[in-house]
């Protein structure tokens, strides 16, 4: 997933902080959502579907850190089209996506800082999958 570049962080100015300088990859820390992808979809699916993604087809990848207290922050968002070419999405839309993902509050795993990501697959502006 790569280290978080502080210039890319969307939620600057919040009180979120990792617990240490070492942030593990999600697969090495056992980090996840207690009810897994089902639970993530249950919380964020409806509000994500209500957002406006005009004629966009591709992936939006939401990356963030889960700290040792199971708080989330240091959000960054990347979008690519169907040809995997980088696409810019508005700051307003990024902030709306972050606000929705911040509703997730049932994280578990080892008591360490860990990266995590959620992907939103879109076709012609419609959400096809969240994984």
Protein backbone atom coordinates (compact mmCIF):
# COMPACT_ATOMS: atom_id res chain seq x y z
CA UNK A 1 0.00 0.00 0.00
CA UNK A 2 2.90 2.29 0.57
CA UNK A 3 3.65 4.76 3.29
CA UNK A 4 1.29 7.63 3.86
CA UNK A 5 2.58 10.83 2.30
CA UNK A 6 1.41 13.54 4.68
CA UNK A 7 0.81 15.86 1.69
CA UNK A 8 -1.89 13.45 0.46
CA UNK A 9 -3.81 13.20 3.73
CA UNK A 10 -7.37 14.45 3.34
CA UNK A 11 -8.34 14.65 7.02
CA UNK A 12 -5.59 17.06 8.08
CA UNK A 13 -6.24 18.93 11.28
CA UNK A 14 -8.00 16.09 13.09
CA UNK A 15 -6.80 14.64 16.37
CA UNK A 16 -6.02 11.24 14.80
CA UNK A 17 -2.50 9.96 15.41
CA UNK A 18 -0.88 6.57 14.98
CA UNK A 19 0.32 5.03 18.24
CA UNK A 20 3.85 4.42 16.94
CA UNK A 21 6.10 5.17 13.99
CA UNK A 22 5.63 1.62 12.66
CA UNK A 23 2.50 1.06 10.60
CA UNK A 24 1.95 -2.53 9.48
CA UNK A 25 0.28 -3.75 6.31
CA UNK A 26 -3.26 -4.99 7.02
CA UNK A 27 -2.37 -8.59 6.11
CA UNK A 28 0.46 -8.64 8.65
CA UNK A 29 -1.51 -7.22 11.54
CA UNK A 30 -4.79 -9.07 11.21
CA UNK A 31 -6.52 -5.69 10.98
CA UNK A 32 -10.05 -5.79 9.76
CA UNK A 33 -13.65 -5.02 10.42
CA UNK A 34 -15.29 -7.28 13.00
CA UNK A 35 -18.09 -8.29 10.62
CA UNK A 36 -15.73 -8.18 7.63
CA UNK A 37 -16.80 -6.90 4.21
CA UNK A 38 -20.47 -7.61 4.97
CA UNK A 39 -20.34 -5.18 7.89
CA UNK A 40 -18.46 -2.55 5.91
CA UNK A 41 -21.02 -2.70 3.11
CA UNK A 42 -23.90 -2.60 5.61
CA UNK A 43 -22.62 0.68 7.09
CA UNK A 44 -21.40 2.54 4.00
CA UNK A 45 -23.29 1.11 1.01
CA UNK A 46 -26.41 3.29 1.15
CA UNK A 47 -24.62 6.62 1.71
CA UNK A 48 -22.00 5.78 -0.96
CA UNK A 49 -24.78 4.99 -3.45
CA UNK A 50 -26.29 8.43 -2.77
CA UNK A 51 -23.13 10.26 -3.88
CA UNK A 52 -22.86 11.67 -7.39
CA UNK A 53 -20.16 10.09 -9.58
CA UNK A 54 -21.11 11.61 -12.96
CA UNK A 55 -20.41 9.13 -15.76
CA UNK A 56 -17.34 7.77 -13.96
CA UNK A 57 -16.26 4.19 -14.62
CA UNK A 58 -13.32 2.82 -12.66
CA UNK A 59 -12.12 2.38 -9.10
CA UNK A 60 -11.91 4.71 -6.14
CA UNK A 61 -9.47 3.44 -3.53
CA UNK A 62 -9.84 4.81 0.00
CA UNK A 63 -6.69 4.20 2.05
CA UNK A 64 -6.32 4.93 5.73
CA UNK A 65 -4.68 3.88 8.98
CA UNK A 66 -6.30 2.01 11.86
CA UNK A 67 -4.38 2.89 15.01
CA UNK A 68 -3.84 0.68 18.08
CA UNK A 69 -7.00 2.16 19.65
CA UNK A 70 -9.06 1.11 16.60
CA UNK A 71 -9.52 4.71 15.47
CA UNK A 72 -9.17 5.52 11.77
CA UNK A 73 -7.53 8.46 10.04
CA UNK A 74 -4.80 9.62 7.67
CA UNK A 75 -7.20 9.17 4.75
CA UNK A 76 -6.07 9.40 1.15
CA UNK A 77 -8.05 8.66 -1.97
CA UNK A 78 -6.90 7.62 -5.43
CA UNK A 79 -9.13 7.10 -8.46
CA UNK A 80 -8.38 5.30 -11.72
CA UNK A 81 -10.47 4.81 -14.82
CA UNK A 82 -11.15 1.45 -16.49
CA UNK A 83 -7.72 1.65 -18.15
CA UNK A 84 -6.11 2.22 -14.72
CA UNK A 85 -5.16 5.79 -15.61
CA UNK A 86 -5.21 8.21 -12.70
CA UNK A 87 -8.33 10.36 -12.47
CA UNK A 88 -8.78 13.41 -10.26
CA UNK A 89 -11.92 13.61 -8.15
CA UNK A 90 -13.07 16.78 -6.46
CA UNK A 91 -12.02 17.69 -2.94
CA UNK A 92 -15.71 17.93 -2.02
CA UNK A 93 -16.39 14.35 -3.17
CA UNK A 94 -13.27 13.10 -1.36
CA UNK A 95 -14.43 14.73 1.88
CA UNK A 96 -17.88 13.17 1.51
CA UNK A 97 -16.36 9.72 0.98
CA UNK A 98 -14.11 10.15 4.04
CA UNK A 99 -17.07 11.25 6.18
CA UNK A 100 -18.94 8.09 5.17
CA UNK A 101 -15.99 5.75 5.83
CA UNK A 102 -15.42 7.42 9.22
CA UNK A 103 -18.76 5.94 10.30
CA UNK A 104 -17.07 2.53 10.46
CA UNK A 105 -16.32 1.92 14.14
CA UNK A 106 -16.03 -1.83 14.70
CA UNK A 107 -12.38 -2.50 13.86
CA UNK A 108 -10.37 -5.36 15.34
CA UNK A 109 -7.05 -7.15 15.00
CA UNK A 110 -3.76 -6.92 16.81
CA UNK A 111 -3.24 -3.88 19.00
CA UNK A 112 -0.94 -2.16 16.45
CA UNK A 113 -1.19 0.54 13.78
CA UNK A 114 -2.15 -0.83 10.38
CA UNK A 115 -2.93 0.34 6.86
CA UNK A 116 -6.32 -0.59 5.37
CA UNK A 117 -8.18 0.13 2.17
CA UNK A 118 -11.67 0.02 0.75
CA UNK A 119 -12.33 0.02 -2.99
CA UNK A 120 -15.44 1.35 -4.70
CA UNK A 121 -16.06 0.01 -8.21
CA UNK A 122 -18.16 2.25 -10.47
CA UNK A 123 -19.62 1.90 -13.95
CA UNK A 124 -21.25 4.87 -15.70
CA UNK A 125 -21.52 6.71 -12.37
CA UNK A 126 -23.22 3.83 -10.55
CA UNK A 127 -21.68 1.88 -7.68
CA UNK A 128 -21.21 -1.76 -8.72
CA UNK A 129 -19.29 -3.08 -5.72
CA UNK A 130 -17.60 -2.11 -2.47
CA UNK A 131 -14.69 -4.32 -1.45
